[in-house]
C-alpha atoms as a PDB file:
ATOM      1  CA  UNK A   1     -62.167  28.137 -72.856  1.00  0.00           C
ATOM      2  CA  UNK A   2     -64.860  27.188 -70.392  1.00  0.00           C
ATOM      3  CA  UNK A   3     -64.582  23.403 -70.341  1.00  0.00           C
ATOM      4  CA  UNK A   4     -63.352  22.365 -66.874  1.00  0.00           C
ATOM      5  CA  UNK A   5     -63.761  18.630 -67.451  1.00  0.00           C
ATOM      6  CA  UNK A   6     -60.882  17.798 -69.798  1.00  0.00           C
ATOM      7  CA  UNK A   7     -60.069  14.126 -69.334  1.00  0.00           C
ATOM      8  CA  UNK A   8     -56.615  13.419 -67.917  1.00  0.00           C
ATOM      9  CA  UNK A   9     -54.009  12.015 -70.286  1.00  0.00           C
ATOM     10  CA  UNK A  10     -53.055   8.381 -69.699  1.00  0.00           C
ATOM     11  CA  UNK A  11     -50.127   7.385 -67.447  1.00  0.00           C
ATOM     12  CA  UNK A  12     -49.971  10.559 -65.343  1.00  0.00           C
ATOM     13  CA  UNK A  13     -46.455  11.785 -64.640  1.00  0.00           C
ATOM     14  CA  UNK A  14     -47.876  14.413 -62.286  1.00  0.00           C
ATOM     15  CA  UNK A  15     -51.036  13.940 -60.239  1.00  0.00           C
ATOM     16  CA  UNK A  16     -52.413  16.587 -57.885  1.00  0.00           C
ATOM     17  CA  UNK A  17     -55.584  15.672 -56.023  1.00  0.00           C
ATOM     18  CA  UNK A  18     -57.496  17.962 -53.659  1.00  0.00           C
ATOM     19  CA  UNK A  19     -54.503  20.253 -53.210  1.00  0.00           C
ATOM     20  CA  UNK A  20     -54.842  23.298 -50.975  1.00  0.00           C
ATOM     21  CA  UNK A  21     -52.060  25.631 -49.904  1.00  0.00           C
ATOM     22  CA  UNK A  22     -52.002  28.800 -47.815  1.00  0.00           C
ATOM     23  CA  UNK A  23     -48.978  31.025 -47.268  1.00  0.00           C
ATOM     24  CA  UNK A  24     -48.230  33.605 -44.580  1.00  0.00           C
ATOM     25  CA  UNK A  25     -49.125  33.789 -40.905  1.00  0.00           C
ATOM     26  CA  UNK A  26     -52.052  35.009 -38.867  1.00  0.00           C
ATOM     27  CA  UNK A  27     -54.131  37.738 -40.467  1.00  0.00           C
ATOM     28  CA  UNK A  28     -51.689  37.852 -43.379  1.00  0.00           C
ATOM     29  CA  UNK A  29     -52.260  34.192 -44.273  1.00  0.00           C
ATOM     30  CA  UNK A  30     -53.604  33.822 -47.812  1.00  0.00           C
ATOM     31  CA  UNK A  31     -55.282  30.782 -49.362  1.00  0.00           C
ATOM     32  CA  UNK A  32     -53.270  30.479 -52.594  1.00  0.00           C
ATOM     33  CA  UNK A  33     -54.330  27.114 -54.107  1.00  0.00           C
ATOM     34  CA  UNK A  34     -57.886  25.894 -53.712  1.00  0.00           C
ATOM     35  CA  UNK A  35     -58.997  22.299 -54.326  1.00  0.00           C
ATOM     36  CA  UNK A  36     -56.641  21.695 -57.241  1.00  0.00           C
ATOM     37  CA  UNK A  37     -57.145  18.468 -59.195  1.00  0.00           C
ATOM     38  CA  UNK A  38     -54.720  18.153 -62.100  1.00  0.00           C
ATOM     39  CA  UNK A  39     -53.302  15.141 -63.917  1.00  0.00           C
ATOM     40  CA  UNK A  40     -50.506  15.601 -66.460  1.00  0.00           C
ATOM     41  CA  UNK A  41     -49.634  12.699 -68.719  1.00  0.00           C
ATOM     42  CA  UNK A  42     -46.136  11.344 -69.269  1.00  0.00           C
ATOM     43  CA  UNK A  43     -44.544  13.249 -72.148  1.00  0.00           C
ATOM     44  CA  UNK A  44     -47.305  15.868 -72.208  1.00  0.00           C
ATOM     45  CA  UNK A  45     -46.576  19.604 -72.430  1.00  0.00           C
ATOM     46  CA  UNK A  46     -48.907  21.768 -70.338  1.00  0.00           C
ATOM     47  CA  UNK A  47     -49.017  25.558 -70.231  1.00  0.00           C
ATOM     48  CA  UNK A  48     -50.238  27.231 -67.040  1.00  0.00           C
ATOM     49  CA  UNK A  49     -51.689  30.687 -67.634  1.00  0.00           C
ATOM     50  CA  UNK A  50     -53.730  33.221 -65.704  1.00  0.00           C
ATOM     51  CA  UNK A  51     -53.517  36.732 -64.253  1.00  0.00           C
ATOM     52  CA  UNK A  52     -50.859  37.734 -61.740  1.00  0.00           C
ATOM     53  CA  UNK A  53     -51.711  36.307 -58.330  1.00  0.00           C
ATOM     54  CA  UNK A  54     -53.769  33.458 -59.761  1.00  0.00           C
ATOM     55  CA  UNK A  55     -51.456  30.807 -58.276  1.00  0.00           C
ATOM     56  CA  UNK A  56     -49.578  29.683 -61.400  1.00  0.00           C
ATOM     57  CA  UNK A  57     -46.069  29.754 -59.945  1.00  0.00           C
ATOM     58  CA  UNK A  58     -47.206  28.301 -56.633  1.00  0.00           C
ATOM     59  CA  UNK A  59     -48.919  25.440 -58.437  1.00  0.00           C
ATOM     60  CA  UNK A  60     -45.707  24.820 -60.365  1.00  0.00           C
ATOM     61  CA  UNK A  61     -43.688  24.752 -57.135  1.00  0.00           C
ATOM     62  CA  UNK A  62     -46.107  22.247 -55.587  1.00  0.00           C
ATOM     63  CA  UNK A  63     -46.027  20.088 -58.724  1.00  0.00           C
ATOM     64  CA  UNK A  64     -42.209  20.104 -58.639  1.00  0.00           C
ATOM     65  CA  UNK A  65     -42.074  19.146 -54.972  1.00  0.00           C
ATOM     66  CA  UNK A  66     -40.641  22.506 -53.888  1.00  0.00           C
ATOM     67  CA  UNK A  67     -43.691  23.413 -51.797  1.00  0.00           C
ATOM     68  CA  UNK A  68     -45.725  21.018 -49.691  1.00  0.00           C
ATOM     69  CA  UNK A  69     -49.505  21.495 -49.760  1.00  0.00           C
ATOM     70  CA  UNK A  70     -51.567  21.898 -46.595  1.00  0.00           C
ATOM     71  CA  UNK A  71     -53.909  19.166 -47.802  1.00  0.00           C
ATOM     72  CA  UNK A  72     -54.323  16.872 -50.762  1.00  0.00           C
ATOM     73  CA  UNK A  73     -51.813  14.600 -52.461  1.00  0.00           C
ATOM     74  CA  UNK A  74     -49.033  15.210 -54.983  1.00  0.00           C
ATOM     75  CA  UNK A  75     -47.572  12.292 -56.925  1.00  0.00           C
ATOM     76  CA  UNK A  76     -44.689  12.497 -59.400  1.00  0.00           C
ATOM     77  CA  UNK A  77     -43.667   9.537 -61.538  1.00  0.00           C
ATOM     78  CA  UNK A  78     -45.828   7.322 -59.326  1.00  0.00           C
ATOM     79  CA  UNK A  79     -44.222   8.531 -56.073  1.00  0.00           C
ATOM     80  CA  UNK A  80     -46.414  10.080 -53.349  1.00  0.00           C
ATOM     81  CA  UNK A  81     -44.314  13.087 -52.311  1.00  0.00           C
ATOM     82  CA  UNK A  82     -46.177  13.393 -49.023  1.00  0.00           C
ATOM     83  CA  UNK A  83     -44.561  10.166 -47.827  1.00  0.00           C
ATOM     84  CA  UNK A  84     -41.006  11.456 -48.334  1.00  0.00           C
ATOM     85  CA  UNK A  85     -39.006  13.363 -45.727  1.00  0.00           C
ATOM     86  CA  UNK A  86     -37.088  16.455 -46.821  1.00  0.00           C
ATOM     87  CA  UNK A  87     -33.858  14.596 -47.639  1.00  0.00           C
ATOM     88  CA  UNK A  88     -35.648  11.882 -49.603  1.00  0.00           C
ATOM     89  CA  UNK A  89     -37.712  14.514 -51.406  1.00  0.00           C
ATOM     90  CA  UNK A  90     -34.580  16.437 -52.396  1.00  0.00           C
ATOM     91  CA  UNK A  91     -32.984  13.257 -53.749  1.00  0.00           C
ATOM     92  CA  UNK A  92     -36.156  12.403 -55.670  1.00  0.00           C
ATOM     93  CA  UNK A  93     -36.313  15.887 -57.232  1.00  0.00           C
ATOM     94  CA  UNK A  94     -32.665  15.647 -58.191  1.00  0.00           C
ATOM     95  CA  UNK A  95     -33.301  12.440 -60.131  1.00  0.00           C
ATOM     96  CA  UNK A  96     -36.663  13.164 -61.697  1.00  0.00           C
ATOM     97  CA  UNK A  97     -37.311  16.928 -61.965  1.00  0.00           C
ATOM     98  CA  UNK A  98     -35.496  19.645 -63.934  1.00  0.00           C
ATOM     99  CA  UNK A  99     -36.366  23.232 -63.020  1.00  0.00           C
ATOM    100  CA  UNK A 100     -35.855  26.482 -64.957  1.00  0.00           C
ATOM    101  CA  UNK A 101     -36.582  29.713 -63.099  1.00  0.00           C
ATOM    102  CA  UNK A 102     -37.119  33.234 -64.392  1.00  0.00           C
ATOM    103  CA  UNK A 103     -34.079  34.498 -62.455  1.00  0.00           C
ATOM    104  CA  UNK A 104     -31.599  31.799 -63.552  1.00  0.00           C
ATOM    105  CA  UNK A 105     -30.421  30.902 -59.978  1.00  0.00           C
ATOM    106  CA  UNK A 106     -26.869  30.131 -61.035  1.00  0.00           C
ATOM    107  CA  UNK A 107     -24.097  29.914 -58.441  1.00  0.00           C
ATOM    108  CA  UNK A 108     -22.002  33.060 -59.099  1.00  0.00           C
ATOM    109  CA  UNK A 109     -18.706  31.585 -57.867  1.00  0.00           C
ATOM    110  CA  UNK A 110     -18.922  28.618 -60.250  1.00  0.00           C
ATOM    111  CA  UNK A 111     -18.270  28.461 -63.974  1.00  0.00           C
ATOM    112  CA  UNK A 112     -20.965  27.443 -66.433  1.00  0.00           C
ATOM    113  CA  UNK A 113     -19.749  23.846 -66.560  1.00  0.00           C
ATOM    114  CA  UNK A 114     -19.513  23.682 -62.755  1.00  0.00           C
ATOM    115  CA  UNK A 115     -23.089  24.982 -62.401  1.00  0.00           C
ATOM    116  CA  UNK A 116     -24.354  22.275 -64.735  1.00  0.00           C
ATOM    117  CA  UNK A 117     -22.202  19.581 -63.120  1.00  0.00           C
ATOM    118  CA  UNK A 118     -23.379  20.185 -59.531  1.00  0.00           C
ATOM    119  CA  UNK A 119     -26.727  18.332 -59.773  1.00  0.00           C
ATOM    120  CA  UNK A 120     -25.054  15.590 -61.800  1.00  0.00           C
ATOM    121  CA  UNK A 121     -22.464  15.060 -59.056  1.00  0.00           C
ATOM    122  CA  UNK A 122     -25.204  15.048 -56.416  1.00  0.00           C
ATOM    123  CA  UNK A 123     -26.987  12.373 -58.473  1.00  0.00           C
ATOM    124  CA  UNK A 124     -23.815  10.264 -58.503  1.00  0.00           C
ATOM    125  CA  UNK A 125     -23.083  10.607 -62.221  1.00  0.00           C
ATOM    126  CA  UNK A 126     -19.498   9.426 -62.780  1.00  0.00           C
ATOM    127  CA  UNK A 127     -18.759  11.627 -65.808  1.00  0.00           C
ATOM    128  CA  UNK A 128     -20.537  14.708 -64.451  1.00  0.00           C
ATOM    129  CA  UNK A 129     -18.231  17.304 -66.032  1.00  0.00           C
ATOM    130  CA  UNK A 130     -18.126  15.559 -69.399  1.00  0.00           C
ATOM    131  CA  UNK A 131     -21.913  15.364 -69.506  1.00  0.00           C
ATOM    132  CA  UNK A 132     -22.206  18.972 -68.332  1.00  0.00           C
ATOM    133  CA  UNK A 133     -19.974  20.084 -71.205  1.00  0.00           C
ATOM    134  CA  UNK A 134     -22.133  18.140 -73.667  1.00  0.00           C
ATOM    135  CA  UNK A 135     -25.291  19.747 -72.296  1.00  0.00           C
ATOM    136  CA  UNK A 136     -23.770  23.203 -72.648  1.00  0.00           C
ATOM    137  CA  UNK A 137     -22.767  22.422 -76.226  1.00  0.00           C
ATOM    138  CA  UNK A 138     -26.354  21.337 -76.928  1.00  0.00           C
ATOM    139  CA  UNK A 139     -27.606  24.809 -75.957  1.00  0.00           C
ATOM    140  CA  UNK A 140     -24.916  26.579 -77.988  1.00  0.00           C
ATOM    141  CA  UNK A 141     -22.417  27.331 -75.216  1.00  0.00           C
ATOM    142  CA  UNK A 142     -19.522  25.038 -76.100  1.00  0.00           C
ATOM    143  CA  UNK A 143     -17.172  28.031 -76.065  1.00  0.00           C
ATOM    144  CA  UNK A 144     -18.440  29.408 -72.732  1.00  0.00           C
ATOM    145  CA  UNK A 145     -17.983  26.439 -70.382  1.00  0.00           C
ATOM    146  CA  UNK A 146     -15.280  28.175 -68.336  1.00  0.00           C
ATOM    147  CA  UNK A 147     -17.093  31.500 -67.954  1.00  0.00           C
ATOM    148  CA  UNK A 148     -18.698  32.675 -64.719  1.00  0.00           C
ATOM    149  CA  UNK A 149     -22.322  33.898 -64.676  1.00  0.00           C
ATOM    150  CA  UNK A 150     -21.220  37.544 -64.409  1.00  0.00           C
ATOM    151  CA  UNK A 151     -19.326  37.083 -67.685  1.00  0.00           C
ATOM    152  CA  UNK A 152     -22.428  35.811 -69.502  1.00  0.00           C
ATOM    153  CA  UNK A 153     -25.414  37.652 -70.945  1.00  0.00           C
ATOM    154  CA  UNK A 154     -28.884  37.024 -69.549  1.00  0.00           C
ATOM    155  CA  UNK A 155     -29.693  34.743 -72.458  1.00  0.00           C
ATOM    156  CA  UNK A 156     -26.490  32.793 -71.956  1.00  0.00           C
ATOM    157  CA  UNK A 157     -27.210  32.433 -68.241  1.00  0.00           C
ATOM    158  CA  UNK A 158     -30.647  31.038 -69.019  1.00  0.00           C
ATOM    159  CA  UNK A 159     -29.067  28.593 -71.475  1.00  0.00           C
ATOM    160  CA  UNK A 160     -26.807  27.412 -68.645  1.00  0.00           C
ATOM    161  CA  UNK A 161     -29.877  27.043 -66.411  1.00  0.00           C
ATOM    162  CA  UNK A 162     -31.635  25.005 -69.109  1.00  0.00           C
ATOM    163  CA  UNK A 163     -28.566  22.793 -69.595  1.00  0.00           C
ATOM    164  CA  UNK A 164     -28.488  22.257 -65.838  1.00  0.00           C
ATOM    165  CA  UNK A 165     -32.186  21.344 -65.760  1.00  0.00           C
ATOM    166  CA  UNK A 166     -31.817  18.847 -68.605  1.00  0.00           C
ATOM    167  CA  UNK A 167     -28.474  17.420 -67.527  1.00  0.00           C
ATOM    168  CA  UNK A 168     -29.877  14.794 -65.170  1.00  0.00           C
ATOM    169  CA  UNK A 169     -32.207  13.631 -67.964  1.00  0.00           C
ATOM    170  CA  UNK A 170     -35.288  14.266 -65.830  1.00  0.00           C
ATOM    171  CA  UNK A 171     -38.664  12.749 -66.592  1.00  0.00           C
ATOM    172  CA  UNK A 172     -40.290  16.076 -65.694  1.00  0.00           C
ATOM    173  CA  UNK A 173     -39.198  19.581 -66.729  1.00  0.00           C
ATOM    174  CA  UNK A 174     -40.856  22.639 -65.174  1.00  0.00           C
ATOM    175  CA  UNK A 175     -40.245  26.233 -66.240  1.00  0.00           C
ATOM    176  CA  UNK A 176     -41.501  29.351 -64.449  1.00  0.00           C
ATOM    177  CA  UNK A 177     -41.654  32.329 -66.823  1.00  0.00           C
ATOM    178  CA  UNK A 178     -38.277  31.302 -68.313  1.00  0.00           C
ATOM    179  CA  UNK A 179     -38.164  34.321 -70.644  1.00  0.00           C
ATOM    180  CA  UNK A 180     -39.360  36.892 -68.102  1.00  0.00           C
ATOM    181  CA  UNK A 181     -35.942  38.562 -67.728  1.00  0.00           C
ATOM    182  CA  UNK A 182     -34.964  38.367 -71.399  1.00  0.00           C
ATOM    183  CA  UNK A 183     -35.570  40.504 -74.454  1.00  0.00           C
ATOM    184  CA  UNK A 184     -38.019  39.189 -77.048  1.00  0.00           C
ATOM    185  CA  UNK A 185     -35.477  37.762 -79.491  1.00  0.00           C
ATOM    186  CA  UNK A 186     -33.390  36.060 -76.786  1.00  0.00           C
ATOM    187  CA  UNK A 187     -36.530  34.760 -75.100  1.00  0.00           C
ATOM    188  CA  UNK A 188     -37.667  33.205 -78.379  1.00  0.00           C
ATOM    189  CA  UNK A 189     -34.336  31.356 -78.642  1.00  0.00           C
ATOM    190  CA  UNK A 190     -34.706  29.983 -75.109  1.00  0.00           C
ATOM    191  CA  UNK A 191     -38.254  28.808 -75.827  1.00  0.00           C
ATOM    192  CA  UNK A 192     -37.081  26.969 -78.942  1.00  0.00           C
ATOM    193  CA  UNK A 193     -34.400  25.200 -76.900  1.00  0.00           C
ATOM    194  CA  UNK A 194     -36.943  24.386 -74.183  1.00  0.00           C
ATOM    195  CA  UNK A 195     -39.396  22.771 -76.590  1.00  0.00           C
ATOM    196  CA  UNK A 196     -36.552  21.074 -78.443  1.00  0.00           C
ATOM    197  CA  UNK A 197     -35.381  19.486 -75.202  1.00  0.00           C
ATOM    198  CA  UNK A 198     -38.941  18.399 -74.423  1.00  0.00           C
ATOM    199  CA  UNK A 199     -39.477  16.871 -77.871  1.00  0.00           C
ATOM    200  CA  UNK A 200     -36.121  15.142 -78.216  1.00  0.00           C
ATOM    201  CA  UNK A 201     -36.077  13.665 -74.707  1.00  0.00           C
ATOM    202  CA  UNK A 202     -39.760  12.922 -74.223  1.00  0.00           C
ATOM    203  CA  UNK A 203     -39.906  14.865 -70.974  1.00  0.00           C
ATOM    204  CA  UNK A 204     -43.135  15.968 -69.367  1.00  0.00           C
ATOM    205  CA  UNK A 205     -43.123  19.783 -69.593  1.00  0.00           C
ATOM    206  CA  UNK A 206     -45.011  22.202 -67.367  1.00  0.00           C
ATOM    207  CA  UNK A 207     -44.608  25.840 -68.397  1.00  0.00           C
ATOM    208  CA  UNK A 208     -45.846  28.918 -66.526  1.00  0.00           C
ATOM    209  CA  UNK A 209     -46.278  31.898 -68.833  1.00  0.00           C
ATOM    210  CA  UNK A 210     -48.278  35.100 -69.291  1.00  0.00           C
ATOM    211  CA  UNK A 211     -48.114  34.583 -73.053  1.00  0.00           C
ATOM    212  CA  UNK A 212     -51.228  32.838 -74.332  1.00  0.00           C
ATOM    213  CA  UNK A 213     -49.697  32.141 -77.752  1.00  0.00           C
ATOM    214  CA  UNK A 214     -46.688  30.516 -76.117  1.00  0.00           C
ATOM    215  CA  UNK A 215     -48.946  28.394 -73.911  1.00  0.00           C
ATOM    216  CA  UNK A 216     -50.765  27.214 -77.016  1.00  0.00           C
ATOM    217  CA  UNK A 217     -47.566  25.572 -78.252  1.00  0.00           C
ATOM    218  CA  UNK A 218     -48.200  23.032 -75.501  1.00  0.00           C
ATOM    219  CA  UNK A 219     -50.534  20.037 -75.777  1.00  0.00           C
ATOM    220  CA  UNK A 220     -52.878  21.511 -73.196  1.00  0.00           C
ATOM    221  CA  UNK A 221     -53.517  24.915 -71.639  1.00  0.00           C
ATOM    222  CA  UNK A 222     -54.676  25.156 -68.014  1.00  0.00           C
ATOM    223  CA  UNK A 223     -56.062  28.534 -66.941  1.00  0.00           C
ATOM    224  CA  UNK A 224     -56.011  29.541 -63.288  1.00  0.00           C
ATOM    225  CA  UNK A 225     -57.918  32.296 -61.548  1.00  0.00           C
ATOM    226  CA  UNK A 226     -57.940  33.094 -57.821  1.00  0.00           C
ATOM    227  CA  UNK A 227     -56.188  29.846 -56.969  1.00  0.00           C
ATOM    228  CA  UNK A 228     -58.565  27.565 -58.845  1.00  0.00           C
ATOM    229  CA  UNK A 229     -58.454  25.846 -62.217  1.00  0.00           C
ATOM    230  CA  UNK A 230     -60.907  27.918 -64.229  1.00  0.00           C
ATOM    231  CA  UNK A 231     -60.633  26.102 -67.551  1.00  0.00           C
ATOM    232  CA  UNK A 232     -58.604  23.646 -69.585  1.00  0.00           C
ATOM    233  CA  UNK A 233     -58.212  23.284 -73.308  1.00  0.00           C
ATOM    234  CA  UNK A 234     -56.462  20.553 -75.252  1.00  0.00           C
ATOM    235  CA  UNK A 235     -54.733  22.209 -78.203  1.00  0.00           C
ATOM    236  CA  UNK A 236     -55.645  20.770 -81.586  1.00  0.00           C
ATOM    237  CA  UNK A 237     -58.596  18.878 -80.119  1.00  0.00           C
END
């Protein structure tokens, strides 16, 4: 995998151009992302891989609009995120981006259906709770809608998180090591649901993983090292 000139897919859903990002202050400031150029086509599935500290998760956060770069431009669904203030950016993410984290990030004082309904209500969906219940049923949790996160297994919590991410019917779905806190069998179930949601809904999927075989289930694998894109490979090409 040493070809760094893979042509971008048509109709980019995500476009990063000349992106640089440093984190920390003073002597502790670290240059995390370095001159990142990455175009991801609408409906494409891309796996981000690389060693720990290579910038995978940070790149995902920038691509999802959760981190602003120091320089360069980030466009999602044709929108230049740099031109949006924080409130407008939050509203844009709520409409267009679904996010699945390694650590679930569920609200502990809310039931499963309430966790899934929150972003739907924020997006102004009239039947937020009905849709949330349907999304939970789609990930196999029809009987667990009234349970709190503490009453659910790790796998069930991640199913709730996936239902929440897909509930707003986002154009873009990003997942950061979504099986990192799960056992192998449960993780495999979550991955199947993730790719099923991507295939059935035509979402653009960006997946951070340490698992090369999992990344190769995507249309394209992007390898990072030391904050730079080291190589890209289109699977099946």
